[in-house]
N, C-alpha and C. Protein backbone atom coordinates (compact mmCIF):
# COMPACT_ATOMS: atom_id res chain seq x y z
N MET A 1 26.47 0.52 -4.53
CA MET A 1 26.72 -0.28 -3.46
C MET A 1 27.77 -0.34 -2.77
N ASN A 2 27.88 -0.31 -1.46
CA ASN A 2 29.06 -0.27 -0.72
C ASN A 2 29.90 -1.42 -0.26
N ASP A 3 31.14 -1.71 0.02
CA ASP A 3 31.68 -2.94 -0.16
C ASP A 3 31.24 -3.71 0.91
N ILE A 4 30.60 -3.30 1.78
CA ILE A 4 29.96 -4.22 2.68
C ILE A 4 29.01 -5.19 2.77
N ILE A 5 27.66 -4.25 1.63
CA ILE A 5 26.69 -5.23 1.03
C ILE A 5 27.52 -5.83 0.26
N GLU A 6 28.32 -5.98 -0.71
CA GLU A 6 28.78 -6.94 -1.69
C GLU A 6 29.36 -8.36 -0.59
N ARG A 7 30.17 -7.62 0.06
CA ARG A 7 30.70 -8.93 1.31
C ARG A 7 29.59 -9.63 1.59
N MET A 8 28.15 -9.06 2.23
CA MET A 8 27.18 -9.57 2.72
C MET A 8 26.39 -10.48 2.06
N ARG A 9 26.17 -10.01 0.51
CA ARG A 9 25.65 -11.25 -0.12
C ARG A 9 26.69 -12.18 -0.52
N ARG A 10 27.74 -11.79 -0.54
CA ARG A 10 28.51 -13.37 -0.59
C ARG A 10 28.42 -14.39 0.67
N GLY A 11 27.61 -13.60 1.25
CA GLY A 11 28.09 -14.80 2.63
C GLY A 11 29.03 -14.47 3.28
N ASP A 12 30.05 -13.38 3.27
CA ASP A 12 31.01 -13.27 3.98
C ASP A 12 30.82 -12.02 5.08
N ARG A 13 30.31 -12.75 6.17
CA ARG A 13 29.59 -11.83 7.68
C ARG A 13 31.04 -11.43 7.89
N PRO A 14 31.60 -10.17 8.23
CA PRO A 14 32.53 -9.66 9.22
C PRO A 14 32.64 -10.14 10.94
N ASP A 15 33.41 -10.51 10.94
CA ASP A 15 33.40 -10.83 12.71
C ASP A 15 33.66 -9.30 13.30
N GLU A 16 33.30 -9.55 14.63
CA GLU A 16 33.22 -7.79 15.36
C GLU A 16 34.62 -7.25 15.59
N SER A 17 35.63 -8.56 15.14
CA SER A 17 36.75 -7.75 15.49
C SER A 17 37.40 -6.69 14.83
N GLU A 18 37.20 -7.12 13.03
CA GLU A 18 37.24 -6.93 12.42
C GLU A 18 36.59 -4.81 11.77
N PRO A 19 37.87 -4.51 10.84
CA PRO A 19 37.10 -3.16 10.74
C PRO A 19 35.90 -2.51 10.13
N ASP A 20 35.69 -4.59 9.32
CA ASP A 20 34.14 -3.78 8.42
C ASP A 20 33.15 -3.60 9.29
N HIS A 21 33.65 -4.50 10.60
CA HIS A 21 32.33 -4.95 10.97
C HIS A 21 31.31 -3.40 11.42
N LEU A 22 32.24 -2.60 11.85
CA LEU A 22 31.36 -0.96 11.84
C LEU A 22 30.74 -0.04 11.31
N LEU A 23 31.02 -0.80 9.77
CA LEU A 23 30.35 -0.51 8.09
C LEU A 23 29.32 -1.06 8.19
N LEU A 24 29.04 -2.73 8.80
CA LEU A 24 28.02 -3.17 9.13
C LEU A 24 26.97 -2.71 10.21
N ARG A 25 27.93 -2.17 11.03
CA ARG A 25 26.63 -1.64 11.97
C ARG A 25 26.20 -0.30 11.28
N ARG A 26 27.20 0.67 10.56
CA ARG A 26 26.40 1.95 10.00
C ARG A 26 24.91 1.72 9.36
N GLU A 27 25.40 0.29 8.03
CA GLU A 27 24.65 -0.16 7.25
C GLU A 27 23.23 -0.63 8.12
N ILE A 28 23.14 -1.40 9.17
CA ILE A 28 22.35 -1.59 9.73
C ILE A 28 21.30 -0.21 10.38
N GLU A 29 21.81 0.95 11.01
CA GLU A 29 21.05 1.92 11.63
C GLU A 29 20.42 2.79 10.31
N ARG A 30 21.24 2.82 8.92
CA ARG A 30 20.43 2.69 7.82
C ARG A 30 18.82 2.38 7.33
N THR A 31 18.98 1.16 7.48
CA THR A 31 18.19 0.11 7.27
C THR A 31 16.84 0.42 8.68
N ARG A 32 17.64 0.53 9.73
CA ARG A 32 16.53 0.65 10.83
C ARG A 32 15.55 1.97 10.35
N GLU A 33 16.12 3.04 10.20
CA GLU A 33 15.45 4.04 9.82
C GLU A 33 14.28 4.27 8.68
N LEU A 34 15.13 3.64 7.81
CA LEU A 34 14.14 3.26 6.99
C LEU A 34 13.03 2.57 7.00
N VAL A 35 13.17 1.54 8.13
CA VAL A 35 12.02 0.41 8.23
C VAL A 35 10.92 1.18 9.09
N GLY A 36 11.69 2.05 9.88
CA GLY A 36 11.29 3.14 11.06
C GLY A 36 10.13 3.90 10.21
N ARG A 37 10.17 4.28 8.71
CA ARG A 37 10.03 5.21 7.73
C ARG A 37 8.75 4.58 7.25
N LEU A 38 9.14 3.18 6.65
CA LEU A 38 8.17 2.20 5.96
C LEU A 38 7.23 1.89 7.15
N ASN A 39 7.26 1.57 8.39
CA ASN A 39 6.18 1.62 9.59
C ASN A 39 5.47 2.70 9.99
N THR A 40 5.55 4.05 9.60
CA THR A 40 5.22 5.15 10.31
C THR A 40 3.63 5.77 8.81
N GLY A 41 2.61 5.17 9.41
CA GLY A 41 1.68 6.13 8.71
C GLY A 41 1.51 5.28 6.98
N TYR A 42 0.69 5.99 6.57
CA TYR A 42 0.08 4.65 5.40
C TYR A 42 0.98 5.42 4.08
N HIS A 43 1.06 4.49 3.13
CA HIS A 43 2.05 4.52 2.01
C HIS A 43 1.01 3.84 1.19
N SER A 44 1.34 4.20 0.11
CA SER A 44 0.50 3.37 -1.39
C SER A 44 0.97 2.25 -2.12
N PRO A 45 0.95 1.53 -2.02
CA PRO A 45 1.92 0.45 -2.62
C PRO A 45 2.94 0.98 -3.77
N ASP A 46 2.95 1.51 -4.32
CA ASP A 46 4.09 1.82 -5.16
C ASP A 46 5.03 2.86 -3.90
N GLU A 47 4.90 3.35 -3.08
CA GLU A 47 5.79 4.38 -1.91
C GLU A 47 6.52 2.92 -1.30
N THR A 48 5.90 2.02 -0.81
CA THR A 48 6.27 0.91 0.10
C THR A 48 6.89 0.43 -0.51
N ARG A 49 7.00 -0.25 -2.10
CA ARG A 49 7.83 -1.05 -2.91
C ARG A 49 9.02 0.16 -3.17
N ALA A 50 9.18 1.48 -2.66
CA ALA A 50 9.86 2.35 -3.18
C ALA A 50 10.89 2.17 -2.16
N LEU A 51 9.90 2.07 -0.83
CA LEU A 51 10.92 2.14 0.18
C LEU A 51 11.92 0.80 0.40
N LEU A 52 10.66 -0.64 -0.22
CA LEU A 52 11.58 -1.95 0.01
C LEU A 52 13.04 -1.48 -0.76
N GLY A 53 12.34 -0.92 -2.04
CA GLY A 53 14.14 -0.71 -2.69
C GLY A 53 14.85 -0.27 -2.10
N LEU A 54 14.85 0.87 -0.88
CA LEU A 54 15.97 1.78 -0.58
C LEU A 54 16.66 -0.10 0.73
N ILE A 55 15.86 -0.40 1.15
CA ILE A 55 15.78 -1.29 2.72
C ILE A 55 16.57 -2.72 1.56
N TRP A 56 15.98 -3.17 0.59
CA TRP A 56 16.53 -4.75 0.44
C TRP A 56 17.63 -4.19 -0.72
N GLY A 57 17.57 -2.58 -1.22
CA GLY A 57 18.87 -2.69 -2.14
C GLY A 57 18.91 -3.01 -3.46
N CYS A 58 17.45 -3.30 -4.42
CA CYS A 58 17.38 -3.39 -4.82
C CYS A 58 15.86 -3.73 -5.17
N ASP A 59 15.38 -2.86 -6.47
CA ASP A 59 13.93 -2.58 -6.91
C ASP A 59 13.26 -3.58 -7.37
N PRO A 60 12.31 -3.91 -6.18
CA PRO A 60 11.16 -4.87 -6.13
C PRO A 60 10.40 -4.71 -7.43
N ASP A 61 9.85 -6.03 -7.77
CA ASP A 61 9.34 -5.95 -8.93
C ASP A 61 7.73 -5.74 -8.41
N PRO A 62 6.73 -4.57 -9.53
CA PRO A 62 5.49 -4.36 -9.32
C PRO A 62 4.89 -4.93 -8.86
N SER A 63 4.78 -6.15 -8.98
CA SER A 63 4.07 -7.60 -8.65
C SER A 63 4.03 -7.84 -7.03
N VAL A 64 4.90 -6.74 -6.67
CA VAL A 64 5.21 -7.13 -5.06
C VAL A 64 4.59 -6.53 -4.23
N ARG A 65 4.20 -7.61 -3.20
CA ARG A 65 2.83 -6.35 -2.36
C ARG A 65 3.35 -6.39 -0.72
N LEU A 66 3.45 -5.63 0.45
CA LEU A 66 3.97 -5.76 1.88
C LEU A 66 2.98 -4.75 2.31
N PHE A 67 2.01 -5.69 3.10
CA PHE A 67 1.16 -4.61 4.13
C PHE A 67 2.09 -4.32 5.27
N ALA A 68 2.83 -3.43 5.96
CA ALA A 68 3.48 -2.96 6.77
C ALA A 68 2.73 -3.08 7.89
N PRO A 69 3.33 -3.02 9.42
CA PRO A 69 4.63 -3.09 9.76
C PRO A 69 5.40 -4.25 9.43
N PHE A 70 6.28 -4.24 9.11
CA PHE A 70 7.51 -5.03 8.45
C PHE A 70 9.12 -4.86 8.66
N TYR A 71 10.06 -5.99 9.84
CA TYR A 71 10.76 -5.79 10.21
C TYR A 71 11.75 -5.97 9.80
N THR A 72 13.34 -5.91 9.82
CA THR A 72 14.23 -6.54 9.23
C THR A 72 15.33 -5.39 9.96
N ALA A 73 16.88 -6.21 10.60
CA ALA A 73 17.54 -5.12 10.54
C ALA A 73 18.33 -4.74 9.68
N PHE A 74 18.86 -5.19 8.87
CA PHE A 74 20.09 -5.54 7.48
C PHE A 74 19.43 -5.01 6.36
N GLY A 75 18.34 -6.33 5.21
CA GLY A 75 17.47 -5.81 4.36
C GLY A 75 18.68 -6.08 2.95
N LYS A 76 19.59 -5.78 2.97
CA LYS A 76 20.48 -5.75 1.64
C LYS A 76 20.56 -7.30 1.31
N THR A 77 20.32 -8.11 1.78
CA THR A 77 20.42 -10.01 1.65
C THR A 77 19.20 -10.60 1.61
N THR A 78 18.48 -9.57 0.96
CA THR A 78 16.68 -10.39 1.14
C THR A 78 16.49 -10.16 0.11
N ARG A 79 16.43 -10.81 -1.07
CA ARG A 79 16.28 -11.19 -2.92
C ARG A 79 14.29 -11.55 -2.81
N VAL A 80 13.45 -11.06 -3.21
CA VAL A 80 12.28 -11.18 -3.81
C VAL A 80 11.72 -10.76 -4.87
N GLY A 81 11.68 -11.97 -5.82
CA GLY A 81 10.69 -12.28 -6.46
C GLY A 81 9.83 -11.64 -7.42
N ARG A 82 8.86 -12.51 -8.18
CA ARG A 82 7.53 -11.12 -8.78
C ARG A 82 6.61 -11.75 -8.09
N GLU A 83 5.61 -11.48 -7.64
CA GLU A 83 3.94 -12.18 -7.40
C GLU A 83 4.34 -12.29 -6.01
N VAL A 84 4.86 -11.40 -5.19
CA VAL A 84 5.20 -12.35 -3.87
C VAL A 84 4.56 -11.22 -2.89
N PHE A 85 3.39 -12.00 -1.90
CA PHE A 85 2.64 -11.31 -1.26
C PHE A 85 2.96 -11.52 0.44
N ILE A 86 3.39 -10.20 1.27
CA ILE A 86 4.23 -10.33 2.57
C ILE A 86 3.29 -9.71 3.63
N ASN A 87 2.62 -10.49 4.37
CA ASN A 87 1.59 -9.83 5.34
C ASN A 87 2.30 -9.01 6.84
N PHE A 88 1.05 -8.65 7.22
CA PHE A 88 1.23 -7.62 8.48
C PHE A 88 2.53 -8.09 9.51
N GLY A 89 2.82 -7.44 9.78
CA GLY A 89 3.79 -7.70 11.44
C GLY A 89 5.14 -8.95 10.49
N CYS A 90 5.55 -8.75 10.02
CA CYS A 90 7.15 -10.44 9.31
C CYS A 90 8.04 -9.22 9.53
N THR A 91 9.11 -10.39 10.17
CA THR A 91 9.86 -10.12 10.29
C THR A 91 10.81 -10.93 9.91
N PHE A 92 12.07 -10.28 8.61
CA PHE A 92 12.40 -11.05 8.46
C PHE A 92 14.44 -10.34 9.00
N LEU A 93 14.99 -11.37 9.56
CA LEU A 93 16.35 -11.06 9.98
C LEU A 93 17.29 -12.17 9.09
N ASP A 94 17.45 -10.91 7.93
CA ASP A 94 18.42 -11.59 6.83
C ASP A 94 19.90 -11.42 6.75
N GLN A 95 20.58 -11.30 7.66
CA GLN A 95 22.30 -11.77 7.59
C GLN A 95 22.61 -12.62 7.46
N GLY A 96 22.03 -14.13 7.13
CA GLY A 96 21.93 -15.23 6.27
C GLY A 96 21.91 -15.38 4.75
N GLY A 97 20.86 -14.48 4.47
CA GLY A 97 20.21 -14.66 3.06
C GLY A 97 19.15 -14.85 3.19
N ILE A 98 18.10 -14.63 2.73
CA ILE A 98 16.58 -15.19 2.23
C ILE A 98 16.29 -14.68 1.10
N THR A 99 16.01 -15.43 0.35
CA THR A 99 14.88 -15.65 -1.09
C THR A 99 13.95 -16.24 -0.87
N LEU A 100 12.78 -15.02 -1.51
CA LEU A 100 11.74 -15.72 -2.06
C LEU A 100 11.40 -15.68 -3.44
N GLU A 101 10.94 -17.04 -4.37
CA GLU A 101 11.09 -17.03 -5.48
C GLU A 101 9.78 -16.56 -5.35
N ASP A 102 9.16 -16.27 -6.86
CA ASP A 102 7.97 -15.82 -7.73
C ASP A 102 6.69 -16.56 -6.77
N GLY A 103 5.61 -16.07 -6.46
CA GLY A 103 4.60 -16.20 -6.32
C GLY A 103 4.66 -16.77 -4.72
N VAL A 104 5.20 -16.16 -3.86
CA VAL A 104 5.44 -16.53 -2.48
C VAL A 104 4.50 -15.81 -1.77
N PHE A 105 3.44 -16.60 -0.81
CA PHE A 105 2.77 -15.75 -0.04
C PHE A 105 3.07 -16.29 1.47
N ILE A 106 3.70 -15.14 2.12
CA ILE A 106 3.65 -15.09 3.63
C ILE A 106 2.96 -14.27 4.49
N GLY A 107 2.45 -15.06 5.42
CA GLY A 107 1.35 -14.78 5.99
C GLY A 107 1.74 -13.82 6.95
N PRO A 108 0.49 -13.23 8.09
CA PRO A 108 1.02 -11.83 9.29
C PRO A 108 1.87 -13.05 10.21
N GLY A 109 2.41 -11.89 10.85
CA GLY A 109 3.34 -12.57 11.85
C GLY A 109 4.60 -13.22 11.40
N VAL A 110 5.17 -13.73 9.81
CA VAL A 110 5.93 -15.02 10.34
C VAL A 110 7.34 -14.49 10.36
N LYS A 111 7.91 -15.40 10.81
CA LYS A 111 9.19 -14.37 11.03
C LYS A 111 10.09 -15.26 9.80
N ILE A 112 11.21 -14.96 9.85
CA ILE A 112 12.12 -15.46 8.81
C ILE A 112 13.10 -15.47 9.62
N VAL A 113 14.44 -16.47 10.43
CA VAL A 113 15.35 -16.46 11.20
C VAL A 113 16.57 -16.72 10.16
N THR A 114 17.12 -16.26 9.49
CA THR A 114 18.79 -16.59 8.85
C THR A 114 20.07 -16.41 9.81
N GLU A 115 19.61 -16.21 11.30
CA GLU A 115 20.46 -15.92 12.00
C GLU A 115 21.04 -16.31 13.84
N GLY A 116 21.53 -16.82 14.25
CA GLY A 116 21.82 -17.68 15.65
C GLY A 116 23.08 -17.12 16.16
N HIS A 117 23.12 -18.34 17.31
CA HIS A 117 24.07 -18.37 18.04
C HIS A 117 24.40 -19.20 18.28
N PRO A 118 26.36 -19.73 18.77
CA PRO A 118 26.29 -20.84 19.26
C PRO A 118 25.93 -21.15 20.20
N GLU A 119 26.26 -22.21 20.56
CA GLU A 119 25.80 -23.00 21.85
C GLU A 119 26.63 -22.50 23.15
N GLN A 120 27.41 -22.55 22.32
CA GLN A 120 28.87 -22.66 24.08
C GLN A 120 28.64 -20.88 24.31
N PRO A 121 28.61 -21.06 25.93
CA PRO A 121 28.37 -19.62 26.70
C PRO A 121 29.45 -18.89 25.99
N GLN A 122 30.75 -18.99 25.99
CA GLN A 122 31.88 -18.41 25.73
C GLN A 122 31.55 -17.51 24.39
N GLU A 123 31.17 -18.12 23.54
CA GLU A 123 30.91 -18.12 21.97
C GLU A 123 29.80 -17.03 21.25
N ARG A 124 29.20 -17.30 22.17
CA ARG A 124 27.71 -16.74 22.23
C ARG A 124 27.33 -15.66 21.50
N HIS A 125 28.29 -14.61 21.28
CA HIS A 125 28.52 -13.08 21.14
C HIS A 125 28.67 -13.67 19.69
N ARG A 126 28.77 -14.38 19.49
CA ARG A 126 29.57 -14.68 18.09
C ARG A 126 27.89 -14.78 16.97
N LEU A 127 27.53 -14.22 15.90
CA LEU A 127 26.58 -14.35 14.88
C LEU A 127 27.02 -15.53 14.20
N VAL A 128 26.29 -16.44 13.51
CA VAL A 128 26.26 -17.85 12.72
C VAL A 128 24.83 -17.03 12.19
N THR A 129 25.38 -17.82 10.82
CA THR A 129 23.94 -17.20 9.62
C THR A 129 24.33 -18.72 8.85
N GLY A 130 23.08 -19.19 8.11
CA GLY A 130 22.40 -19.65 7.24
C GLY A 130 21.10 -19.17 6.50
N PRO A 131 21.52 -19.37 5.34
CA PRO A 131 20.24 -18.94 3.85
C PRO A 131 19.12 -19.76 4.51
N VAL A 132 18.14 -18.69 3.49
CA VAL A 132 17.12 -19.26 3.51
C VAL A 132 16.15 -19.35 2.53
N ARG A 133 16.07 -20.04 2.06
CA ARG A 133 15.20 -20.16 0.71
C ARG A 133 13.66 -20.74 1.09
N ILE A 134 12.57 -19.22 0.06
CA ILE A 134 11.11 -19.95 0.19
C ILE A 134 11.25 -20.37 -1.36
N CYS A 135 11.04 -21.32 -1.74
CA CYS A 135 10.59 -21.98 -3.25
C CYS A 135 9.04 -21.25 -4.13
N ARG A 136 9.26 -21.62 -5.10
CA ARG A 136 8.03 -21.06 -6.00
C ARG A 136 6.86 -21.61 -5.37
N ASN A 137 6.14 -20.37 -5.40
CA ASN A 137 4.64 -20.30 -5.02
C ASN A 137 4.32 -21.34 -3.76
N ALA A 138 5.48 -20.74 -2.91
CA ALA A 138 5.23 -21.91 -1.52
C ALA A 138 4.60 -20.93 -0.40
N TRP A 139 3.48 -21.38 -0.13
CA TRP A 139 2.69 -20.74 1.42
C TRP A 139 3.27 -20.43 3.03
N ILE A 140 3.23 -19.66 3.48
CA ILE A 140 3.67 -19.51 4.39
C ILE A 140 2.85 -19.36 5.55
N GLY A 141 2.47 -20.26 6.70
CA GLY A 141 1.36 -19.61 7.35
C GLY A 141 1.23 -18.59 8.80
N ALA A 142 0.23 -17.90 8.83
CA ALA A 142 0.35 -16.96 9.66
C ALA A 142 1.24 -17.32 10.75
N GLY A 143 1.99 -16.80 11.63
CA GLY A 143 2.98 -17.15 12.84
C GLY A 143 4.07 -18.04 12.93
N ALA A 144 3.69 -18.60 11.38
CA ALA A 144 5.29 -19.45 11.54
C ALA A 144 6.32 -18.83 11.66
N ILE A 145 7.71 -19.94 12.12
CA ILE A 145 8.68 -19.68 11.71
C ILE A 145 9.49 -20.32 11.36
N ILE A 146 10.27 -19.61 10.60
CA ILE A 146 11.45 -20.41 10.05
C ILE A 146 12.76 -20.16 9.68
N LEU A 147 13.68 -21.40 10.55
CA LEU A 147 14.85 -20.80 10.92
C LEU A 147 15.93 -20.91 10.03
N PRO A 148 17.13 -20.96 10.59
CA PRO A 148 18.72 -20.36 9.70
C PRO A 148 18.76 -21.82 8.86
N GLY A 149 19.13 -21.99 7.43
CA GLY A 149 19.71 -22.77 6.92
C GLY A 149 18.62 -23.60 6.06
N VAL A 150 17.28 -23.45 6.67
CA VAL A 150 15.69 -24.09 5.56
C VAL A 150 15.53 -23.50 4.74
N THR A 151 15.34 -24.70 3.37
CA THR A 151 14.58 -24.51 2.09
C THR A 151 13.01 -24.72 2.18
N VAL A 152 11.94 -24.50 1.33
CA VAL A 152 10.89 -24.35 1.65
C VAL A 152 10.41 -24.85 0.10
N GLY A 153 10.41 -26.42 -0.24
CA GLY A 153 9.85 -26.48 -1.48
C GLY A 153 9.05 -26.27 -2.30
N GLU A 154 8.86 -25.75 -3.55
CA GLU A 154 8.03 -25.64 -4.50
C GLU A 154 6.52 -26.16 -3.92
N ASN A 155 5.65 -24.81 -3.86
CA ASN A 155 3.92 -25.22 -3.66
C ASN A 155 4.11 -25.95 -2.58
N ALA A 156 4.47 -25.95 -1.65
CA ALA A 156 4.81 -26.52 0.00
C ALA A 156 3.40 -24.87 0.78
N ILE A 157 3.18 -26.16 1.86
CA ILE A 157 2.51 -25.37 2.66
C ILE A 157 2.75 -25.43 3.73
N VAL A 158 3.14 -23.92 4.49
CA VAL A 158 3.45 -24.55 6.28
C VAL A 158 2.32 -23.94 6.91
N ALA A 159 2.08 -24.01 7.72
CA ALA A 159 0.83 -24.25 8.25
C ALA A 159 1.22 -23.10 9.83
N ALA A 160 0.30 -22.69 9.67
CA ALA A 160 -0.03 -21.77 10.81
C ALA A 160 0.66 -22.10 12.22
N GLY A 161 1.64 -21.29 12.31
CA GLY A 161 2.51 -21.19 13.81
C GLY A 161 3.15 -22.44 13.80
N ALA A 162 3.65 -23.27 12.94
CA ALA A 162 4.93 -23.95 12.59
C ALA A 162 6.39 -23.56 13.04
N VAL A 163 7.02 -24.09 13.46
CA VAL A 163 8.48 -24.01 13.87
C VAL A 163 9.13 -24.74 12.55
N VAL A 164 10.09 -24.12 11.74
CA VAL A 164 10.62 -24.76 10.69
C VAL A 164 12.16 -24.95 10.59
N THR A 165 12.13 -25.91 10.79
CA THR A 165 13.85 -26.62 11.47
C THR A 165 14.43 -27.21 10.44
N LYS A 166 13.44 -27.99 9.67
CA LYS A 166 14.33 -28.69 8.95
C LYS A 166 13.89 -28.50 7.41
N ASP A 167 14.55 -28.52 6.06
CA ASP A 167 14.29 -28.55 4.76
C ASP A 167 12.20 -29.13 4.60
N VAL A 168 11.95 -28.46 3.85
CA VAL A 168 10.14 -28.87 3.58
C VAL A 168 10.62 -29.32 1.96
N PRO A 169 9.98 -30.39 1.56
CA PRO A 169 9.79 -30.99 0.43
C PRO A 169 8.81 -30.15 -0.84
N ALA A 170 9.04 -29.89 -1.93
CA ALA A 170 8.16 -29.67 -2.80
C ALA A 170 6.79 -30.09 -2.09
N ASP A 171 5.46 -29.72 -2.79
CA ASP A 171 4.08 -29.75 -2.78
C ASP A 171 3.89 -30.73 -1.30
N VAL A 172 3.89 -30.25 -0.16
CA VAL A 172 3.44 -31.06 0.95
C VAL A 172 2.84 -29.69 1.90
N VAL A 173 2.21 -30.55 2.80
CA VAL A 173 1.56 -29.48 4.13
C VAL A 173 2.91 -29.89 5.29
N THR A 174 3.31 -28.88 6.06
CA THR A 174 4.14 -29.38 7.12
C THR A 174 3.14 -28.58 8.48
N ALA A 175 3.47 -28.76 9.22
CA ALA A 175 2.93 -28.60 10.43
C ALA A 175 3.47 -28.49 11.77
N GLY A 176 3.74 -27.73 12.96
CA GLY A 176 3.97 -28.42 14.58
C GLY A 176 5.23 -28.47 14.42
N ILE A 177 5.77 -28.12 15.72
CA ILE A 177 6.68 -27.57 16.39
C ILE A 177 7.65 -28.66 16.64
N PRO A 178 8.06 -29.42 16.66
CA PRO A 178 8.87 -28.78 15.15
C PRO A 178 8.10 -29.51 13.88
N ALA A 179 8.05 -28.87 12.67
CA ALA A 179 7.52 -29.03 11.58
C ALA A 179 8.03 -30.12 11.19
N ARG A 180 6.75 -31.14 10.91
CA ARG A 180 6.51 -32.03 9.72
C ARG A 180 5.99 -32.34 9.27
N VAL A 181 6.11 -32.94 8.02
CA VAL A 181 5.00 -33.48 6.84
C VAL A 181 4.28 -34.39 7.37
N GLN A 182 2.99 -33.59 6.98
CA GLN A 182 1.74 -34.00 7.51
C GLN A 182 0.81 -35.10 6.21
N ARG A 183 0.94 -34.21 4.56
CA ARG A 183 0.54 -34.77 3.95
C ARG A 183 0.66 -34.60 2.56
N GLN A 184 1.04 -34.93 1.24
CA GLN A 184 0.84 -34.30 -0.27
C GLN A 184 -0.37 -33.26 -0.45
N ILE A 185 0.03 -32.26 -0.99
CA ILE A 185 -1.16 -31.18 -1.28
C ILE A 185 -1.59 -32.16 -2.59
N GLN A 186 -3.23 -32.49 -2.89
CA GLN A 186 -3.48 -32.85 -3.59
C GLN A 186 -3.85 -31.93 -4.72
N THR A 187 -4.11 -31.95 -5.88
CA THR A 187 -4.06 -30.80 -7.28
C THR A 187 -5.06 -31.90 -7.95
N ASN A 188 -5.94 -30.72 -8.32
CA ASN A 188 -7.01 -31.22 -9.00
C ASN A 188 -7.03 -30.34 -10.28
N GLU A 189 -7.16 -31.31 -11.70
CA GLU A 189 -7.09 -30.48 -12.61
C GLU A 189 -8.76 -29.70 -12.96
N ILE A 190 -8.30 -28.91 -13.56
CA ILE A 190 -9.66 -27.66 -13.53
C ILE A 190 -10.13 -28.09 -14.71
N SER A 191 -11.74 -28.53 -14.81
CA SER A 191 -12.21 -28.98 -15.89
C SER A 191 -12.13 -27.68 -17.33
N LYS A 192 -12.01 -27.60 -18.63
CA LYS A 192 -12.22 -26.79 -19.28
C LYS A 192 -13.33 -26.63 -19.50
N GLN A 193 -14.16 -25.85 -19.44
CA GLN A 193 -15.75 -25.22 -19.71
C GLN A 193 -15.97 -24.97 -21.51
């Protein structure tokens, strides 16, 4: 593992003026090449996981499923648990760190964004980051956007097309732009037969 990846995983992103920024740019180019391979032609689930292992810098659990195309520029600060499903056309901008805990479902066209820029024009070329955590068994609906610094709670549902700017509590449905809690998730006990 190279030093820039370890540095990024610690949340220490090099500024453009630092020599390590060149190493980051090289790693981004390596990832872009791997993403291109992933998104070209058909790959079996095992081949897909092998490419994801190279992109993410760790071996995904055999239960992880992803349908390409998939887009990311760095990849090495994405952590994915077991029984995770990522549908077609998702984009993960992960320089701030993305964690998908066990059992997470990611719908088609979802964007998880951990990167942004300062509001001030003179500072806008600088990248600012905030980690995103999607907790156990959460479901992110088609086309939703999760913005930097957000945690989506356990079992929560983010409705299709929602733009999530703030943390989502566990066991709720959230929807809208910006996303707001709509209701608690109703749980039913399954009768034993």
